[in-house]
Amino acid sequence: MKLSHRMQNVRGEGAFEVLVRARQLEAQGRSVVHMEIGEPDFPTAPNIIAAGKRALDEGWTKYGPTQGDPELRQAIAEHISATRGISVGPDRVVVTPGAKPILFFSMLALLEHGDEVLYPNPGFPIYESTIHYAGATPVPLPLVEERGFSLDLDQFRKNLSDRTRMIILCSPQNPTGGTIHEADIRAVAEMIRDRDVIVLSDEIYSRIWFDEKPFSIASIDGMFEKTIILDGFSKTYSMTGWRIGYGVMPKWIADAVCLLMVNSVSHTASFTQRAAIEALRGPQEAVGKMVAEFARRRDVIVEGFNRIPGFRCARPGGAFYAFPNITATGISSTELANRILQEAGVACLSGTSFGKYGEGYLRFSYATALDQIQVALERIEKLIKRG
């Protein structure tokens, strides 16, 4: 026996691979600053934890509806309606264990062999992996540093074809921290309005922005019927381990996603869904404080990288990632990331972990304490100056 052919196209996430190597160094007594994992370093808010505990005490430990807790779906529908300016009913909401199943199930439900998917590159590595697994063809959309890592609209137009079945947008974005300007999103909508194509709008960082508020393509008249909104609780509410996300989509797609849920995970844990209701409907002060702290860290890390010889760092508009250009060092992304870990004790990711257009860049997550960021900057600067 051997693994199926389709498994040859599945790839993992570089962040977890680097984390293992960093832990090995720590086991040897080395000091490592962790800037590889995209996870808020803030605790889940006490009111959300209390709601989860209360749900356990109340017996929310049994099977639940595949599509999700009705009250949670209603809360999500109200949230999306208010924040995106569209009318959403709970029948369009599917709650999943983490946000990745929305990505995975949507592609399995919609894509055929020969279909093409336009996706951001550098971008979240699971995009390309899942496109391959679904049997479709990934078509990379290069993100342009000079435009704040927004889309190259001319390239987007060239890449559109009669085989284009899905387009993935993400703003704010992993790994660059860049945002797609509203004008660019409207231009994309005009190009695809009359095409038989679905937009998968990854909005997992929609609440973590610093300058320009993210704009959803679903907010444009007529586009919600062509859009799947992917969102969740991991990033905004620092609930990564709770494993709860959701998608908002046309009902015919929601029905298909629910069928795949039945055939795989059945449903999302009941007690985490009760905690998620509290996250949406309870106090939001913790979110505001977290975003303000990320903005402070962003300013420190961007200024610090721009002082290091050979580094040039654009100012990210959201999320919690810095994506400095390191081409002037004359060292490849993979080699420099390895040296920074082994010699400087700072765990980061090569830009190539996010696609071929990531060459010449490194990704650093500044979801770590400010003093650790400053230590990392000092170590990297010392390494670069040493040569």
Protein backbone atom coordinates (compact mmCIF):
# COMPACT_ATOMS: atom_id res chain seq x y z
CA MET A 1 0.00 0.00 0.00
CA LYS A 2 1.03 3.58 -0.56
CA LEU A 3 -0.48 7.01 -0.13
CA SER A 4 -2.82 8.27 -2.82
CA HIS A 5 -1.47 10.42 -5.63
CA ARG A 6 -3.38 13.48 -4.38
CA MET A 7 -1.42 13.40 -1.11
CA GLN A 8 1.70 14.37 -3.07
CA ASN A 9 0.23 17.85 -3.48
CA VAL A 10 -0.52 18.47 0.19
CA ARG A 11 1.91 20.65 2.10
CA GLY A 12 2.15 21.77 5.70
CA GLU A 13 2.78 25.14 7.30
CA GLY A 14 6.35 26.33 7.66
CA ALA A 15 5.55 28.04 10.96
CA PHE A 16 5.01 24.75 12.75
CA GLU A 17 8.14 23.23 11.22
CA VAL A 18 10.25 26.17 12.41
CA LEU A 19 8.60 25.96 15.84
CA VAL A 20 9.84 22.37 16.20
CA ARG A 21 13.39 23.41 15.32
CA ALA A 22 13.20 26.36 17.73
CA ARG A 23 12.03 24.07 20.54
CA GLN A 24 14.95 21.77 19.86
CA LEU A 25 17.36 24.69 20.31
CA GLU A 26 15.63 25.64 23.55
CA ALA A 27 15.98 22.06 24.77
CA GLN A 28 19.72 22.51 24.26
CA GLY A 29 19.69 25.56 26.52
CA ARG A 30 19.53 28.20 23.78
CA SER A 31 17.48 31.37 24.14
CA VAL A 32 14.99 31.80 21.26
CA VAL A 33 12.64 34.68 20.50
CA HIS A 34 9.55 33.19 18.90
CA MET A 35 8.32 35.22 15.93
CA GLU A 36 7.28 32.31 13.72
CA ILE A 37 3.76 31.50 14.94
CA GLY A 38 0.77 33.63 13.93
CA GLU A 39 -0.98 33.52 17.28
CA PRO A 40 -1.94 36.45 19.54
CA ASP A 41 0.01 36.35 22.78
CA PHE A 42 -2.94 37.78 24.71
CA PRO A 43 -5.14 35.56 26.90
CA THR A 44 -8.72 34.84 25.93
CA ALA A 45 -10.88 37.46 27.65
CA PRO A 46 -12.19 36.39 31.11
CA ASN A 47 -15.87 36.80 30.11
CA ILE A 48 -15.37 34.37 27.20
CA ILE A 49 -13.61 31.83 29.43
CA ALA A 50 -16.40 32.16 31.99
CA ALA A 51 -18.99 31.52 29.27
CA GLY A 52 -17.13 28.38 28.22
CA LYS A 53 -16.98 27.10 31.79
CA ARG A 54 -20.65 27.89 32.29
CA ALA A 55 -21.52 25.99 29.13
CA LEU A 56 -19.69 22.92 30.43
CA ASP A 57 -21.52 23.14 33.74
CA GLU A 58 -24.83 23.50 31.89
CA GLY A 59 -24.23 20.36 29.87
CA TRP A 60 -23.22 21.74 26.47
CA THR A 61 -21.10 18.63 25.93
CA LYS A 62 -23.29 16.66 23.51
CA TYR A 63 -23.87 16.52 19.79
CA GLY A 64 -25.21 19.67 18.20
CA PRO A 65 -26.52 20.82 14.81
CA THR A 66 -24.08 20.31 11.96
CA GLN A 67 -24.53 23.87 10.69
CA GLY A 68 -23.91 25.31 14.14
CA ASP A 69 -25.72 26.47 17.28
CA PRO A 70 -28.77 28.49 16.08
CA GLU A 71 -28.11 31.28 18.57
CA LEU A 72 -24.49 31.57 17.47
CA ARG A 73 -25.45 31.59 13.80
CA GLN A 74 -27.91 34.37 14.54
CA ALA A 75 -25.21 36.34 16.37
CA ILE A 76 -22.80 35.86 13.45
CA ALA A 77 -25.47 36.89 10.95
CA GLU A 78 -26.13 40.07 12.92
CA HIS A 79 -22.40 40.80 13.21
CA ILE A 80 -21.75 40.33 9.48
CA SER A 81 -24.84 42.36 8.57
CA ALA A 82 -23.69 45.25 10.75
CA THR A 83 -20.00 45.23 9.79
CA ARG A 84 -20.32 44.51 6.04
CA GLY A 85 -23.51 46.47 5.41
CA ILE A 86 -25.42 43.54 3.93
CA SER A 87 -28.49 41.58 4.96
CA VAL A 88 -27.48 38.14 6.21
CA GLY A 89 -29.69 35.43 7.66
CA PRO A 90 -28.50 32.56 9.89
CA ASP A 91 -29.29 30.07 7.11
CA ARG A 92 -26.20 31.37 5.29
CA VAL A 93 -23.86 30.79 8.25
CA VAL A 94 -21.89 27.58 8.79
CA VAL A 95 -19.89 27.18 12.01
CA THR A 96 -16.76 25.02 11.74
CA PRO A 97 -13.94 23.80 14.04
CA GLY A 98 -11.55 26.56 13.06
CA ALA A 99 -11.75 28.64 9.89
CA LYS A 100 -9.69 26.31 7.69
CA PRO A 101 -12.62 23.91 7.04
CA ILE A 102 -14.44 26.74 5.25
CA LEU A 103 -11.46 27.01 2.89
CA PHE A 104 -11.16 23.23 2.51
CA PHE A 105 -14.83 22.32 2.17
CA SER A 106 -15.63 25.21 -0.18
CA MET A 107 -12.94 24.11 -2.60
CA LEU A 108 -13.96 20.45 -2.43
CA ALA A 109 -17.58 21.43 -3.06
CA LEU A 110 -16.96 23.81 -5.96
CA LEU A 111 -13.81 22.89 -7.87
CA GLU A 112 -13.33 20.41 -10.68
CA HIS A 113 -10.21 19.22 -12.51
CA GLY A 114 -9.23 21.89 -15.00
CA ASP A 115 -10.67 24.77 -12.96
CA GLU A 116 -8.31 27.60 -12.09
CA VAL A 117 -8.10 29.47 -8.79
CA LEU A 118 -6.48 32.88 -8.51
CA TYR A 119 -4.84 33.31 -5.12
CA PRO A 120 -2.47 35.82 -3.46
CA ASN A 121 1.23 35.04 -3.55
CA PRO A 122 2.97 35.40 -1.17
CA GLY A 123 -0.03 34.13 0.74
CA PHE A 124 -1.27 31.69 3.34
CA PRO A 125 0.32 28.38 2.21
CA ILE A 126 -2.83 26.34 2.73
CA TYR A 127 -4.47 28.17 -0.19
CA GLU A 128 -2.18 26.59 -2.77
CA SER A 129 -2.10 23.23 -0.97
CA THR A 130 -5.88 22.91 -0.90
CA ILE A 131 -6.30 24.05 -4.51
CA HIS A 132 -3.97 21.25 -5.56
CA TYR A 133 -5.75 18.73 -3.35
CA ALA A 134 -9.11 19.64 -4.88
CA GLY A 135 -7.64 18.87 -8.30
CA ALA A 136 -7.74 22.45 -9.57
CA THR A 137 -4.90 24.61 -10.89
CA PRO A 138 -3.48 27.37 -8.67
CA VAL A 139 -2.77 30.65 -10.49
CA PRO A 140 -0.68 32.99 -8.32
CA LEU A 141 -1.50 36.68 -8.03
CA PRO A 142 1.71 38.53 -7.09
CA LEU A 143 1.31 41.09 -4.32
CA VAL A 144 3.15 44.33 -4.93
CA GLU A 145 5.33 45.80 -2.17
CA GLU A 146 5.24 49.26 -3.78
CA ARG A 147 1.44 49.24 -3.40
CA GLY A 148 1.48 48.15 0.24
CA PHE A 149 1.24 44.52 -0.90
CA SER A 150 -2.06 45.13 -2.60
CA LEU A 151 -2.97 43.36 -5.85
CA ASP A 152 -1.39 44.04 -9.22
CA LEU A 153 -4.64 44.74 -11.07
CA ASP A 154 -3.06 44.47 -14.52
CA GLN A 155 -1.74 41.02 -13.65
CA PHE A 156 -5.10 40.09 -12.18
CA ARG A 157 -6.79 40.97 -15.46
CA LYS A 158 -4.24 38.94 -17.43
CA ASN A 159 -4.66 35.91 -15.18
CA LEU A 160 -8.44 35.79 -15.52
CA SER A 161 -9.54 33.13 -17.98
CA ASP A 162 -12.59 31.13 -18.99
CA ARG A 163 -11.32 28.43 -16.59
CA THR A 164 -11.23 30.75 -13.57
CA ARG A 165 -13.69 29.29 -11.07
CA MET A 166 -12.60 30.85 -7.77
CA ILE A 167 -10.69 33.92 -6.59
CA ILE A 168 -9.18 34.18 -3.13
CA LEU A 169 -8.85 37.59 -1.51
CA CYS A 170 -7.34 38.27 1.90
CA SER A 171 -7.17 41.66 3.60
CA PRO A 172 -5.45 42.27 5.96
CA GLN A 173 -3.13 39.58 4.77
CA ASN A 174 -0.81 36.88 6.01
CA PRO A 175 2.22 37.07 5.58
CA THR A 176 2.63 40.69 4.51
CA GLY A 177 0.27 42.54 6.82
CA GLY A 178 -0.85 44.39 3.70
CA THR A 179 -4.39 45.48 2.94
CA ILE A 180 -6.23 45.67 -0.37
CA HIS A 181 -7.56 49.16 -0.94
CA GLU A 182 -11.30 49.54 -1.45
CA ALA A 183 -10.72 50.93 -4.95
CA ASP A 184 -8.79 47.79 -5.89
CA ILE A 185 -11.51 45.52 -4.52
CA ARG A 186 -14.13 47.43 -6.47
CA ALA A 187 -11.99 47.08 -9.60
CA VAL A 188 -11.82 43.31 -9.02
CA ALA A 189 -15.60 43.18 -8.61
CA GLU A 190 -16.11 44.95 -11.92
CA MET A 191 -13.82 42.48 -13.70
CA ILE A 192 -15.67 39.42 -12.40
CA ARG A 193 -19.23 40.65 -11.98
CA ASP A 194 -20.47 38.90 -15.14
CA ARG A 195 -18.29 35.80 -14.80
CA ASP A 196 -19.26 32.42 -13.38
CA VAL A 197 -16.81 32.69 -10.48
CA ILE A 198 -16.91 32.54 -6.67
CA VAL A 199 -14.85 34.80 -4.42
CA LEU A 200 -13.45 33.29 -1.25
CA SER A 201 -12.87 36.35 0.92
CA ASP A 202 -10.56 35.47 3.80
CA GLU A 203 -11.45 38.07 6.44
CA ILE A 204 -9.94 36.37 9.49
CA TYR A 205 -7.95 39.55 10.33
CA SER A 206 -10.85 41.94 9.63
CA ARG A 207 -10.82 43.41 13.15
CA ILE A 208 -7.02 43.80 13.34
CA TRP A 209 -6.25 46.92 11.32
CA PHE A 210 -4.40 50.16 12.01
CA ASP A 211 -4.90 52.68 9.21
CA GLU A 212 -7.49 51.89 6.53
CA LYS A 213 -10.50 49.82 7.61
CA PRO A 214 -10.68 46.61 5.55
CA PHE A 215 -13.37 46.53 2.88
CA SER A 216 -15.24 43.34 2.02
CA ILE A 217 -16.09 42.58 -1.58
CA ALA A 218 -19.38 41.16 -0.27
CA SER A 219 -20.41 44.74 0.59
CA ILE A 220 -20.64 45.65 -3.11
CA ASP A 221 -24.10 45.41 -4.64
CA GLY A 222 -24.62 42.03 -6.25
CA MET A 223 -21.38 40.49 -4.97
CA PHE A 224 -22.64 38.72 -1.84
CA GLU A 225 -24.28 36.09 -4.04
CA LYS A 226 -20.82 35.35 -5.46
CA THR A 227 -18.87 35.50 -2.19
CA ILE A 228 -17.90 33.18 0.65
CA ILE A 229 -16.78 35.16 3.72
CA LEU A 230 -14.30 33.24 5.87
CA ASP A 231 -13.90 34.52 9.44
CA GLY A 232 -13.53 33.22 12.96
CA PHE A 233 -12.59 33.82 16.57
CA SER A 234 -8.93 32.73 16.72
CA LYS A 235 -7.24 36.01 15.84
CA THR A 236 -9.71 38.68 16.98
CA TYR A 237 -10.51 37.09 20.33
CA SER A 238 -7.25 35.18 20.89
CA MET A 239 -9.14 31.88 20.82
CA THR A 240 -6.76 29.84 18.65
CA GLY A 241 -7.02 26.71 20.80
CA TRP A 242 -10.81 26.84 20.99
CA ARG A 243 -10.99 25.86 17.30
CA ILE A 244 -14.00 27.78 16.10
CA GLY A 245 -14.54 29.63 12.84
CA TYR A 246 -17.32 30.21 10.37
CA GLY A 247 -18.27 30.93 6.81
CA VAL A 248 -21.04 33.13 5.43
CA MET A 249 -22.13 32.20 1.92
CA PRO A 250 -25.02 31.64 -0.49
CA LYS A 251 -27.33 28.95 0.86
CA TRP A 252 -26.67 26.47 -1.95
CA ILE A 253 -22.98 26.47 -0.98
CA ALA A 254 -23.81 26.34 2.74
CA ASP A 255 -25.86 23.19 2.12
CA ALA A 256 -22.91 21.54 0.37
CA VAL A 257 -20.46 22.57 3.11
CA CYS A 258 -22.81 21.13 5.75
CA LEU A 259 -22.90 17.84 3.85
CA LEU A 260 -19.10 17.69 3.94
CA MET A 261 -19.22 18.53 7.65
CA VAL A 262 -21.55 15.57 8.24
CA ASN A 263 -19.11 13.32 6.41
CA SER A 264 -16.06 14.50 8.34
CA VAL A 265 -16.32 16.23 11.72
CA SER A 266 -20.11 16.15 12.36
CA HIS A 267 -20.16 19.56 14.06
CA THR A 268 -18.16 22.08 16.09
CA ALA A 269 -17.81 21.51 19.85
CA SER A 270 -20.98 22.72 21.55
CA PHE A 271 -19.41 24.47 24.54
CA THR A 272 -16.97 26.47 22.41
CA GLN A 273 -19.93 27.78 20.42
CA ARG A 274 -21.54 29.09 23.60
CA ALA A 275 -18.30 30.89 24.42
CA ALA A 276 -18.27 32.33 20.89
CA ILE A 277 -21.71 33.86 21.45
CA GLU A 278 -20.27 35.72 24.43
CA ALA A 279 -17.28 36.80 22.32
CA LEU A 280 -19.53 38.48 19.77
CA ARG A 281 -22.19 39.86 22.10
CA GLY A 282 -20.11 40.62 25.18
CA PRO A 283 -17.69 43.49 25.91
CA GLN A 284 -15.23 44.30 23.11
CA GLU A 285 -12.68 46.29 25.12
CA ALA A 286 -10.12 43.47 25.06
CA VAL A 287 -10.13 43.51 21.26
CA GLY A 288 -9.47 47.25 21.17
CA LYS A 289 -6.61 46.99 23.66
CA MET A 290 -5.02 44.13 21.74
CA VAL A 291 -5.17 45.98 18.41
CA ALA A 292 -3.72 49.14 20.00
CA GLU A 293 -0.81 47.10 21.37
CA PHE A 294 -0.23 45.47 17.98
CA ALA A 295 -0.08 48.96 16.43
CA ARG A 296 2.54 50.00 18.98
CA ARG A 297 4.60 46.90 18.26
CA ARG A 298 4.25 47.43 14.52
CA ASP A 299 5.79 50.88 14.76
CA VAL A 300 8.73 49.56 16.79
CA ILE A 301 9.47 46.61 14.53
CA VAL A 302 9.18 48.56 11.27
CA GLU A 303 11.49 51.28 12.55
CA GLY A 304 13.91 48.65 13.85
CA PHE A 305 14.08 46.69 10.59
CA ASN A 306 14.60 49.84 8.56
CA ARG A 307 17.72 50.53 10.64
CA ILE A 308 19.29 47.16 9.83
CA PRO A 309 21.64 47.20 6.81
CA GLY A 310 20.13 45.37 3.86
CA PHE A 311 16.59 45.39 5.29
CA ARG A 312 13.65 47.43 4.00
CA CYS A 313 10.30 47.04 5.72
CA ALA A 314 6.95 48.33 4.49
CA ARG A 315 4.47 49.54 7.09
CA PRO A 316 1.79 46.83 7.46
CA GLY A 317 -1.80 48.03 7.57
CA GLY A 318 -3.17 45.16 9.62
CA ALA A 319 -2.79 41.66 11.11
CA PHE A 320 0.39 41.21 13.17
CA TYR A 321 3.10 40.43 10.64
CA ALA A 322 6.11 42.33 9.34
CA PHE A 323 7.47 41.29 5.95
CA PRO A 324 10.84 42.98 5.44
CA ASN A 325 12.57 42.94 2.06
CA ILE A 326 16.08 41.48 2.54
CA THR A 327 17.29 41.34 -1.08
CA ALA A 328 19.97 43.96 -0.39
CA THR A 329 21.70 41.56 2.03
CA GLY A 330 22.56 39.32 -0.93
CA ILE A 331 21.37 36.28 1.03
CA SER A 332 18.42 34.11 0.02
CA SER A 333 15.34 34.09 2.20
CA THR A 334 15.74 30.48 3.29
CA GLU A 335 19.42 30.82 4.13
CA LEU A 336 18.93 34.04 6.09
CA ALA A 337 15.94 32.68 8.02
CA ASN A 338 18.02 29.63 8.97
CA ARG A 339 20.98 31.77 10.04
CA ILE A 340 18.77 34.10 12.09
CA LEU A 341 17.42 31.08 13.97
CA GLN A 342 20.67 29.18 14.40
CA GLU A 343 23.05 32.10 15.01
CA ALA A 344 20.82 34.83 16.45
CA GLY A 345 18.20 32.77 18.26
CA VAL A 346 15.21 34.39 16.53
CA ALA A 347 12.58 32.16 14.92
CA CYS A 348 11.09 33.64 11.74
CA LEU A 349 9.94 32.31 8.39
CA SER A 350 11.40 32.50 4.91
CA GLY A 351 9.16 34.39 2.53
CA THR A 352 9.25 31.35 0.26
CA SER A 353 7.14 29.51 2.87
CA PHE A 354 4.31 31.58 1.39
CA GLY A 355 5.00 31.04 -2.30
CA LYS A 356 7.56 31.76 -4.98
CA TYR A 357 6.95 35.52 -4.88
CA GLY A 358 8.05 35.49 -1.25
CA GLU A 359 11.70 35.16 -2.24
CA GLY A 360 13.62 38.16 -0.96
CA TYR A 361 11.47 38.54 2.15
CA LEU A 362 11.17 37.21 5.70
CA ARG A 363 8.05 37.03 7.85
CA PHE A 364 8.08 37.99 11.51
CA SER A 365 5.03 37.72 13.76
CA TYR A 366 5.01 40.58 16.25
CA ALA A 367 2.42 38.78 18.37
CA THR A 368 5.01 38.66 21.11
CA ALA A 369 5.99 41.00 23.93
CA LEU A 370 7.59 44.32 23.01
CA ASP A 371 10.74 43.62 25.01
CA GLN A 372 11.19 40.36 23.09
CA ILE A 373 10.78 42.23 19.80
CA GLN A 374 13.51 44.62 20.82
CA VAL A 375 15.80 41.71 21.77
CA ALA A 376 15.13 40.12 18.38
CA LEU A 377 15.95 43.33 16.51
CA GLU A 378 19.22 43.71 18.41
CA ARG A 379 20.23 40.11 17.71
CA ILE A 380 19.43 40.34 14.01
CA GLU A 381 21.24 43.66 13.58
CA LYS A 382 24.30 42.23 15.31
CA LEU A 383 24.23 39.18 13.03
CA ILE A 384 23.91 41.23 9.84
CA LYS A 385 26.68 43.64 10.79
CA ARG A 386 28.94 40.71 11.67
CA GLY A 387 28.37 39.36 8.15
